[in-house]
PDB file of N, CA and C in Angstrom:
ATOM      1  N   UNK A   1      -6.940  -1.790  23.548  1.00  0.00           N
ATOM      2  CA  UNK A   1      -6.539  -2.408  22.296  1.00  0.00           C
ATOM      3  C   UNK A   1      -7.737  -3.138  21.705  1.00  0.00           C
ATOM      4  N   UNK A   2      -7.880  -3.021  20.404  1.00  0.00           N
ATOM      5  CA  UNK A   2      -8.964  -3.708  19.701  1.00  0.00           C
ATOM      6  C   UNK A   2      -8.396  -4.915  18.977  1.00  0.00           C
ATOM      7  N   UNK A   3      -8.925  -6.059  19.296  1.00  0.00           N
ATOM      8  CA  UNK A   3      -8.575  -7.304  18.620  1.00  0.00           C
ATOM      9  C   UNK A   3      -9.896  -8.000  18.338  1.00  0.00           C
ATOM     10  N   UNK A   4     -10.355  -7.852  17.112  1.00  0.00           N
ATOM     11  CA  UNK A   4     -11.695  -8.278  16.735  1.00  0.00           C
ATOM     12  C   UNK A   4     -12.013  -9.659  17.283  1.00  0.00           C
ATOM     13  N   UNK A   5     -13.136  -9.801  17.947  1.00  0.00           N
ATOM     14  CA  UNK A   5     -14.226  -8.859  18.197  1.00  0.00           C
ATOM     15  C   UNK A   5     -14.161  -8.210  19.575  1.00  0.00           C
ATOM     16  N   UNK A   6     -12.991  -8.180  20.194  1.00  0.00           N
ATOM     17  CA  UNK A   6     -12.863  -7.707  21.569  1.00  0.00           C
ATOM     18  C   UNK A   6     -12.174  -6.351  21.662  1.00  0.00           C
ATOM     19  N   UNK A   7     -12.514  -5.624  22.726  1.00  0.00           N
ATOM     20  CA  UNK A   7     -11.776  -4.435  23.129  1.00  0.00           C
ATOM     21  C   UNK A   7     -11.143  -4.782  24.467  1.00  0.00           C
ATOM     22  N   UNK A   8      -9.828  -4.748  24.517  1.00  0.00           N
ATOM     23  CA  UNK A   8      -9.090  -5.109  25.727  1.00  0.00           C
ATOM     24  C   UNK A   8      -8.636  -3.833  26.427  1.00  0.00           C
ATOM     25  N   UNK A   9      -8.974  -3.707  27.716  1.00  0.00           N
ATOM     26  CA  UNK A   9      -8.601  -2.514  28.489  1.00  0.00           C
ATOM     27  C   UNK A   9      -7.888  -2.939  29.760  1.00  0.00           C
ATOM     28  N   UNK A  10      -7.040  -2.051  30.278  1.00  0.00           N
ATOM     29  CA  UNK A  10      -6.279  -2.355  31.494  1.00  0.00           C
ATOM     30  C   UNK A  10      -7.142  -2.237  32.744  1.00  0.00           C
ATOM     31  N   UNK A  11      -8.020  -1.257  32.757  1.00  0.00           N
ATOM     32  CA  UNK A  11      -8.838  -1.000  33.947  1.00  0.00           C
ATOM     33  C   UNK A  11     -10.311  -1.049  33.570  1.00  0.00           C
ATOM     34  N   UNK A  12     -11.128  -1.443  34.521  1.00  0.00           N
ATOM     35  CA  UNK A  12     -12.567  -1.475  34.297  1.00  0.00           C
ATOM     36  C   UNK A  12     -13.142  -0.085  34.101  1.00  0.00           C
ATOM     37  N   UNK A  13     -14.312  -0.017  33.511  1.00  0.00           N
ATOM     38  CA  UNK A  13     -15.031   1.232  33.292  1.00  0.00           C
ATOM     39  C   UNK A  13     -14.260   2.236  32.428  1.00  0.00           C
ATOM     40  N   UNK A  14     -13.877   1.849  31.204  1.00  0.00           N
ATOM     41  CA  UNK A  14     -13.167   2.788  30.316  1.00  0.00           C
ATOM     42  C   UNK A  14     -14.078   3.923  29.870  1.00  0.00           C
ATOM     43  N   UNK A  15     -13.498   5.029  29.477  1.00  0.00           N
ATOM     44  CA  UNK A  15     -14.280   6.180  29.029  1.00  0.00           C
ATOM     45  C   UNK A  15     -14.975   5.871  27.700  1.00  0.00           C
ATOM     46  N   UNK A  16     -16.041   6.614  27.433  1.00  0.00           N
ATOM     47  CA  UNK A  16     -16.766   6.456  26.174  1.00  0.00           C
ATOM     48  C   UNK A  16     -15.868   6.804  24.984  1.00  0.00           C
ATOM     49  N   UNK A  17     -14.978   7.759  25.181  1.00  0.00           N
ATOM     50  CA  UNK A  17     -14.066   8.168  24.108  1.00  0.00           C
ATOM     51  C   UNK A  17     -13.092   7.035  23.787  1.00  0.00           C
ATOM     52  N   UNK A  18     -12.537   6.397  24.804  1.00  0.00           N
ATOM     53  CA  UNK A  18     -11.626   5.274  24.578  1.00  0.00           C
ATOM     54  C   UNK A  18     -12.345   4.124  23.874  1.00  0.00           C
ATOM     55  N   UNK A  19     -13.544   3.813  24.319  1.00  0.00           N
ATOM     56  CA  UNK A  19     -14.308   2.733  23.690  1.00  0.00           C
ATOM     57  C   UNK A  19     -14.607   3.090  22.237  1.00  0.00           C
ATOM     58  N   UNK A  20     -14.980   4.329  21.971  1.00  0.00           N
ATOM     59  CA  UNK A  20     -15.261   4.743  20.600  1.00  0.00           C
ATOM     60  C   UNK A  20     -14.007   4.644  19.735  1.00  0.00           C
ATOM     61  N   UNK A  21     -12.873   5.059  20.268  1.00  0.00           N
ATOM     62  CA  UNK A  21     -11.593   4.964  19.553  1.00  0.00           C
ATOM     63  C   UNK A  21     -11.341   3.516  19.141  1.00  0.00           C
ATOM     64  N   UNK A  22     -11.522   2.600  20.074  1.00  0.00           N
ATOM     65  CA  UNK A  22     -11.271   1.186  19.791  1.00  0.00           C
ATOM     66  C   UNK A  22     -12.341   0.594  18.872  1.00  0.00           C
ATOM     67  N   UNK A  23     -13.567   1.062  18.965  1.00  0.00           N
ATOM     68  CA  UNK A  23     -14.615   0.595  18.051  1.00  0.00           C
ATOM     69  C   UNK A  23     -14.316   1.032  16.616  1.00  0.00           C
ATOM     70  N   UNK A  24     -13.699   2.183  16.451  1.00  0.00           N
ATOM     71  CA  UNK A  24     -13.277   2.618  15.121  1.00  0.00           C
ATOM     72  C   UNK A  24     -12.251   1.622  14.581  1.00  0.00           C
ATOM     73  N   UNK A  25     -11.316   1.193  15.432  1.00  0.00           N
ATOM     74  CA  UNK A  25     -10.342   0.181  15.010  1.00  0.00           C
ATOM     75  C   UNK A  25     -11.022  -1.146  14.666  1.00  0.00           C
ATOM     76  N   UNK A  26     -12.039  -1.523  15.413  1.00  0.00           N
ATOM     77  CA  UNK A  26     -12.770  -2.755  15.087  1.00  0.00           C
ATOM     78  C   UNK A  26     -13.387  -2.661  13.700  1.00  0.00           C
ATOM     79  N   UNK A  27     -13.941  -1.516  13.373  1.00  0.00           N
ATOM     80  CA  UNK A  27     -14.533  -1.326  12.043  1.00  0.00           C
ATOM     81  C   UNK A  27     -13.451  -1.432  10.968  1.00  0.00           C
ATOM     82  N   UNK A  28     -12.300  -0.833  11.228  1.00  0.00           N
ATOM     83  CA  UNK A  28     -11.190  -0.929  10.279  1.00  0.00           C
ATOM     84  C   UNK A  28     -10.768  -2.390  10.084  1.00  0.00           C
ATOM     85  N   UNK A  29     -10.754  -3.141  11.167  1.00  0.00           N
ATOM     86  CA  UNK A  29     -10.379  -4.544  11.090  1.00  0.00           C
ATOM     87  C   UNK A  29     -11.407  -5.353  10.304  1.00  0.00           C
ATOM     88  N   UNK A  30     -12.669  -5.031  10.443  1.00  0.00           N
ATOM     89  CA  UNK A  30     -13.715  -5.700   9.666  1.00  0.00           C
ATOM     90  C   UNK A  30     -13.505  -5.429   8.182  1.00  0.00           C
ATOM     91  N   UNK A  31     -13.189  -4.194   7.854  1.00  0.00           N
ATOM     92  CA  UNK A  31     -13.026  -3.809   6.451  1.00  0.00           C
ATOM     93  C   UNK A  31     -11.831  -4.502   5.796  1.00  0.00           C
ATOM     94  N   UNK A  32     -10.733  -4.623   6.508  1.00  0.00           N
ATOM     95  CA  UNK A  32      -9.508  -5.170   5.925  1.00  0.00           C
ATOM     96  C   UNK A  32      -9.256  -6.625   6.284  1.00  0.00           C
ATOM     97  N   UNK A  33      -9.918  -7.097   7.299  1.00  0.00           N
ATOM     98  CA  UNK A  33      -9.574  -8.390   7.863  1.00  0.00           C
ATOM     99  C   UNK A  33      -8.458  -8.172   8.872  1.00  0.00           C
ATOM    100  N   UNK A  34      -8.439  -8.977   9.892  1.00  0.00           N
ATOM    101  CA  UNK A  34      -7.496  -8.770  10.993  1.00  0.00           C
ATOM    102  C   UNK A  34      -6.044  -8.845  10.528  1.00  0.00           C
ATOM    103  N   UNK A  35      -5.718  -9.834   9.726  1.00  0.00           N
ATOM    104  CA  UNK A  35      -4.325 -10.021   9.293  1.00  0.00           C
ATOM    105  C   UNK A  35      -3.849  -8.829   8.463  1.00  0.00           C
ATOM    106  N   UNK A  36      -4.640  -8.413   7.485  1.00  0.00           N
ATOM    107  CA  UNK A  36      -4.226  -7.294   6.640  1.00  0.00           C
ATOM    108  C   UNK A  36      -4.212  -5.985   7.420  1.00  0.00           C
ATOM    109  N   UNK A  37      -5.143  -5.812   8.353  1.00  0.00           N
ATOM    110  CA  UNK A  37      -5.142  -4.611   9.190  1.00  0.00           C
ATOM    111  C   UNK A  37      -3.816  -4.500   9.943  1.00  0.00           C
ATOM    112  N   UNK A  38      -3.442  -5.575  10.647  1.00  0.00           N
ATOM    113  CA  UNK A  38      -2.214  -5.506  11.447  1.00  0.00           C
ATOM    114  C   UNK A  38      -0.961  -5.478  10.590  1.00  0.00           C
ATOM    115  N   UNK A  39      -0.990  -6.113   9.457  1.00  0.00           N
ATOM    116  CA  UNK A  39       0.149  -6.038   8.538  1.00  0.00           C
ATOM    117  C   UNK A  39       0.343  -4.606   8.064  1.00  0.00           C
ATOM    118  N   UNK A  40      -0.729  -3.963   7.604  1.00  0.00           N
ATOM    119  CA  UNK A  40      -0.665  -2.578   7.152  1.00  0.00           C
ATOM    120  C   UNK A  40      -0.252  -1.672   8.312  1.00  0.00           C
ATOM    121  N   UNK A  41      -0.810  -1.925   9.501  1.00  0.00           N
ATOM    122  CA  UNK A  41      -0.506  -1.141  10.692  1.00  0.00           C
ATOM    123  C   UNK A  41       1.001  -1.180  10.979  1.00  0.00           C
ATOM    124  N   UNK A  42       1.579  -2.380  11.009  1.00  0.00           N
ATOM    125  CA  UNK A  42       3.002  -2.528  11.315  1.00  0.00           C
ATOM    126  C   UNK A  42       3.892  -1.949  10.222  1.00  0.00           C
ATOM    127  N   UNK A  43       3.519  -2.143   8.971  1.00  0.00           N
ATOM    128  CA  UNK A  43       4.298  -1.570   7.865  1.00  0.00           C
ATOM    129  C   UNK A  43       4.263  -0.050   7.938  1.00  0.00           C
ATOM    130  N   UNK A  44       3.080   0.516   8.187  1.00  0.00           N
ATOM    131  CA  UNK A  44       2.938   1.963   8.291  1.00  0.00           C
ATOM    132  C   UNK A  44       3.808   2.503   9.429  1.00  0.00           C
ATOM    133  N   UNK A  45       3.786   1.814  10.562  1.00  0.00           N
ATOM    134  CA  UNK A  45       4.619   2.216  11.699  1.00  0.00           C
ATOM    135  C   UNK A  45       6.109   2.139  11.335  1.00  0.00           C
ATOM    136  N   UNK A  46       6.518   1.037  10.703  1.00  0.00           N
ATOM    137  CA  UNK A  46       7.913   0.860  10.325  1.00  0.00           C
ATOM    138  C   UNK A  46       8.395   1.917   9.348  1.00  0.00           C
ATOM    139  N   UNK A  47       7.583   2.225   8.356  1.00  0.00           N
ATOM    140  CA  UNK A  47       7.938   3.273   7.389  1.00  0.00           C
ATOM    141  C   UNK A  47       8.081   4.608   8.105  1.00  0.00           C
ATOM    142  N   UNK A  48       7.178   4.894   9.029  1.00  0.00           N
ATOM    143  CA  UNK A  48       7.264   6.141   9.789  1.00  0.00           C
ATOM    144  C   UNK A  48       8.563   6.216  10.582  1.00  0.00           C
ATOM    145  N   UNK A  49       8.959   5.092  11.173  1.00  0.00           N
ATOM    146  CA  UNK A  49      10.217   5.068  11.926  1.00  0.00           C
ATOM    147  C   UNK A  49      11.414   5.263  11.006  1.00  0.00           C
ATOM    148  N   UNK A  50      11.363   4.646   9.815  1.00  0.00           N
ATOM    149  CA  UNK A  50      12.453   4.812   8.851  1.00  0.00           C
ATOM    150  C   UNK A  50      12.566   6.258   8.371  1.00  0.00           C
ATOM    151  N   UNK A  51      11.471   6.987   8.429  1.00  0.00           N
ATOM    152  CA  UNK A  51      11.482   8.403   8.067  1.00  0.00           C
ATOM    153  C   UNK A  51      12.084   9.267   9.166  1.00  0.00           C
ATOM    154  N   UNK A  52      12.466   8.642  10.278  1.00  0.00           N
ATOM    155  CA  UNK A  52      13.110   9.374  11.366  1.00  0.00           C
ATOM    156  C   UNK A  52      12.183   9.795  12.486  1.00  0.00           C
ATOM    157  N   UNK A  53      10.954   9.335  12.465  1.00  0.00           N
ATOM    158  CA  UNK A  53      10.023   9.703  13.527  1.00  0.00           C
ATOM    159  C   UNK A  53      10.346   8.931  14.803  1.00  0.00           C
ATOM    160  N   UNK A  54      10.050   9.555  15.934  1.00  0.00           N
ATOM    161  CA  UNK A  54      10.151   8.854  17.214  1.00  0.00           C
ATOM    162  C   UNK A  54       9.036   7.812  17.277  1.00  0.00           C
ATOM    163  N   UNK A  55       9.111   6.941  18.281  1.00  0.00           N
ATOM    164  CA  UNK A  55       8.049   5.937  18.459  1.00  0.00           C
ATOM    165  C   UNK A  55       6.680   6.603  18.541  1.00  0.00           C
ATOM    166  N   UNK A  56       6.566   7.625  19.374  1.00  0.00           N
ATOM    167  CA  UNK A  56       5.286   8.302  19.588  1.00  0.00           C
ATOM    168  C   UNK A  56       4.786   8.967  18.309  1.00  0.00           C
ATOM    169  N   UNK A  57       5.678   9.642  17.597  1.00  0.00           N
ATOM    170  CA  UNK A  57       5.289  10.285  16.342  1.00  0.00           C
ATOM    171  C   UNK A  57       4.849   9.247  15.314  1.00  0.00           C
ATOM    172  N   UNK A  58       5.621   8.166  15.192  1.00  0.00           N
ATOM    173  CA  UNK A  58       5.311   7.117  14.218  1.00  0.00           C
ATOM    174  C   UNK A  58       3.966   6.482  14.524  1.00  0.00           C
ATOM    175  N   UNK A  59       3.698   6.233  15.791  1.00  0.00           N
ATOM    176  CA  UNK A  59       2.423   5.655  16.213  1.00  0.00           C
ATOM    177  C   UNK A  59       1.259   6.572  15.841  1.00  0.00           C
ATOM    178  N   UNK A  60       1.370   7.851  16.175  1.00  0.00           N
ATOM    179  CA  UNK A  60       0.274   8.792  15.917  1.00  0.00           C
ATOM    180  C   UNK A  60       0.079   9.087  14.431  1.00  0.00           C
ATOM    181  N   UNK A  61       1.068   8.798  13.606  1.00  0.00           N
ATOM    182  CA  UNK A  61       0.930   9.022  12.164  1.00  0.00           C
ATOM    183  C   UNK A  61       0.448   7.787  11.401  1.00  0.00           C
ATOM    184  N   UNK A  62       0.221   6.689  12.089  1.00  0.00           N
ATOM    185  CA  UNK A  62      -0.357   5.506  11.436  1.00  0.00           C
ATOM    186  C   UNK A  62      -1.747   5.899  10.947  1.00  0.00           C
ATOM    187  N   UNK A  63      -2.040   5.549   9.711  1.00  0.00           N
ATOM    188  CA  UNK A  63      -3.288   5.963   9.077  1.00  0.00           C
ATOM    189  C   UNK A  63      -4.510   5.600   9.925  1.00  0.00           C
ATOM    190  N   UNK A  64      -4.504   4.437  10.540  1.00  0.00           N
ATOM    191  CA  UNK A  64      -5.642   3.988  11.344  1.00  0.00           C
ATOM    192  C   UNK A  64      -5.764   4.794  12.628  1.00  0.00           C
ATOM    193  N   UNK A  65      -4.636   5.168  13.211  1.00  0.00           N
ATOM    194  CA  UNK A  65      -4.664   5.972  14.436  1.00  0.00           C
ATOM    195  C   UNK A  65      -5.104   7.403  14.148  1.00  0.00           C
ATOM    196  N   UNK A  66      -4.715   7.924  13.006  1.00  0.00           N
ATOM    197  CA  UNK A  66      -5.138   9.290  12.677  1.00  0.00           C
ATOM    198  C   UNK A  66      -6.657   9.385  12.609  1.00  0.00           C
ATOM    199  N   UNK A  67      -7.287   8.405  11.957  1.00  0.00           N
ATOM    200  CA  UNK A  67      -8.755   8.418  11.910  1.00  0.00           C
ATOM    201  C   UNK A  67      -9.334   8.257  13.315  1.00  0.00           C
ATOM    202  N   UNK A  68      -8.844   7.281  14.052  1.00  0.00           N
ATOM    203  CA  UNK A  68      -9.414   6.998  15.372  1.00  0.00           C
ATOM    204  C   UNK A  68      -9.243   8.168  16.338  1.00  0.00           C
ATOM    205  N   UNK A  69      -8.077   8.804  16.353  1.00  0.00           N
ATOM    206  CA  UNK A  69      -7.881   9.945  17.247  1.00  0.00           C
ATOM    207  C   UNK A  69      -8.696  11.151  16.802  1.00  0.00           C
ATOM    208  N   UNK A  70      -8.814  11.356  15.498  1.00  0.00           N
ATOM    209  CA  UNK A  70      -9.576  12.511  15.022  1.00  0.00           C
ATOM    210  C   UNK A  70     -11.064  12.376  15.343  1.00  0.00           C
ATOM    211  N   UNK A  71     -11.568  11.156  15.333  1.00  0.00           N
ATOM    212  CA  UNK A  71     -13.006  10.956  15.480  1.00  0.00           C
ATOM    213  C   UNK A  71     -13.433  10.335  16.801  1.00  0.00           C
ATOM    214  N   UNK A  72     -12.510  10.079  17.712  1.00  0.00           N
ATOM    215  CA  UNK A  72     -12.904   9.349  18.923  1.00  0.00           C
ATOM    216  C   UNK A  72     -13.861  10.115  19.836  1.00  0.00           C
ATOM    217  N   UNK A  73     -13.844  11.428  19.797  1.00  0.00           N
ATOM    218  CA  UNK A  73     -14.783  12.211  20.615  1.00  0.00           C
ATOM    219  C   UNK A  73     -16.148  12.341  19.950  1.00  0.00           C
ATOM    220  N   UNK A  74     -16.239  12.011  18.681  1.00  0.00           N
ATOM    221  CA  UNK A  74     -17.497  12.055  17.938  1.00  0.00           C
ATOM    222  C   UNK A  74     -18.199  10.711  18.125  1.00  0.00           C
ATOM    223  N   UNK A  75     -19.017  10.608  19.159  1.00  0.00           N
ATOM    224  CA  UNK A  75     -19.603   9.325  19.526  1.00  0.00           C
ATOM    225  C   UNK A  75     -20.603   8.803  18.507  1.00  0.00           C
ATOM    226  N   UNK A  76     -21.049   9.630  17.584  1.00  0.00           N
ATOM    227  CA  UNK A  76     -21.943   9.186  16.526  1.00  0.00           C
ATOM    228  C   UNK A  76     -21.235   8.886  15.215  1.00  0.00           C
ATOM    229  N   UNK A  77     -19.910   8.958  15.223  1.00  0.00           N
ATOM    230  CA  UNK A  77     -19.132   8.818  13.997  1.00  0.00           C
ATOM    231  C   UNK A  77     -19.393   7.506  13.269  1.00  0.00           C
ATOM    232  N   UNK A  78     -19.423   6.416  13.978  1.00  0.00           N
ATOM    233  CA  UNK A  78     -19.556   5.116  13.321  1.00  0.00           C
ATOM    234  C   UNK A  78     -20.911   4.928  12.644  1.00  0.00           C
ATOM    235  N   UNK A  79     -21.913   5.691  13.048  1.00  0.00           N
ATOM    236  CA  UNK A  79     -23.224   5.562  12.408  1.00  0.00           C
ATOM    237  C   UNK A  79     -23.239   6.194  11.019  1.00  0.00           C
ATOM    238  N   UNK A  80     -22.324   7.128  10.768  1.00  0.00           N
ATOM    239  CA  UNK A  80     -22.290   7.802   9.464  1.00  0.00           C
ATOM    240  C   UNK A  80     -20.985   7.563   8.701  1.00  0.00           C
ATOM    241  N   UNK A  81     -20.077   6.815   9.293  1.00  0.00           N
ATOM    242  CA  UNK A  81     -18.762   6.569   8.687  1.00  0.00           C
ATOM    243  C   UNK A  81     -18.908   5.796   7.389  1.00  0.00           C
ATOM    244  N   UNK A  82     -18.179   6.240   6.369  1.00  0.00           N
ATOM    245  CA  UNK A  82     -18.192   5.556   5.080  1.00  0.00           C
ATOM    246  C   UNK A  82     -17.180   4.417   5.068  1.00  0.00           C
ATOM    247  N   UNK A  83     -17.423   3.433   4.214  1.00  0.00           N
ATOM    248  CA  UNK A  83     -16.558   2.279   4.060  1.00  0.00           C
ATOM    249  C   UNK A  83     -15.146   2.737   3.680  1.00  0.00           C
ATOM    250  N   UNK A  84     -14.143   2.181   4.317  1.00  0.00           N
ATOM    251  CA  UNK A  84     -12.729   2.503   4.096  1.00  0.00           C
ATOM    252  C   UNK A  84     -12.406   3.985   4.323  1.00  0.00           C
ATOM    253  N   UNK A  85     -13.102   4.591   5.255  1.00  0.00           N
ATOM    254  CA  UNK A  85     -12.911   6.015   5.540  1.00  0.00           C
ATOM    255  C   UNK A  85     -11.478   6.351   5.952  1.00  0.00           C
ATOM    256  N   UNK A  86     -10.767   5.392   6.519  1.00  0.00           N
ATOM    257  CA  UNK A  86      -9.392   5.659   6.963  1.00  0.00           C
ATOM    258  C   UNK A  86      -8.491   6.093   5.814  1.00  0.00           C
ATOM    259  N   UNK A  87      -8.859   5.777   4.581  1.00  0.00           N
ATOM    260  CA  UNK A  87      -8.020   6.118   3.429  1.00  0.00           C
ATOM    261  C   UNK A  87      -7.868   7.620   3.230  1.00  0.00           C
ATOM    262  N   UNK A  88      -8.800   8.397   3.756  1.00  0.00           N
ATOM    263  CA  UNK A  88      -8.698   9.855   3.625  1.00  0.00           C
ATOM    264  C   UNK A  88      -7.708  10.463   4.612  1.00  0.00           C
ATOM    265  N   UNK A  89      -7.176   9.645   5.502  1.00  0.00           N
ATOM    266  CA  UNK A  89      -6.228  10.134   6.500  1.00  0.00           C
ATOM    267  C   UNK A  89      -4.807   9.796   6.095  1.00  0.00           C
TER     268      UNK A  89
END
């Protein structure tokens, strides 16, 4: 879990992909501010649930998660990522 400026993990030695995924979330939080990031995150999740999605589906369709999952294996993504890139997802 990313909670600016920290990445919180359950076990030591997380994979580079997991760290990159969470670093993408940190960048999103910088762009929106922590409060607005989590507010948008929760609203997006809630709307997805109201559309009839399961918890897992609603989570994976959150705009911030779509960007992070799509780009988490691209370890150089953050060096070329454009400001507010999550909006394209």
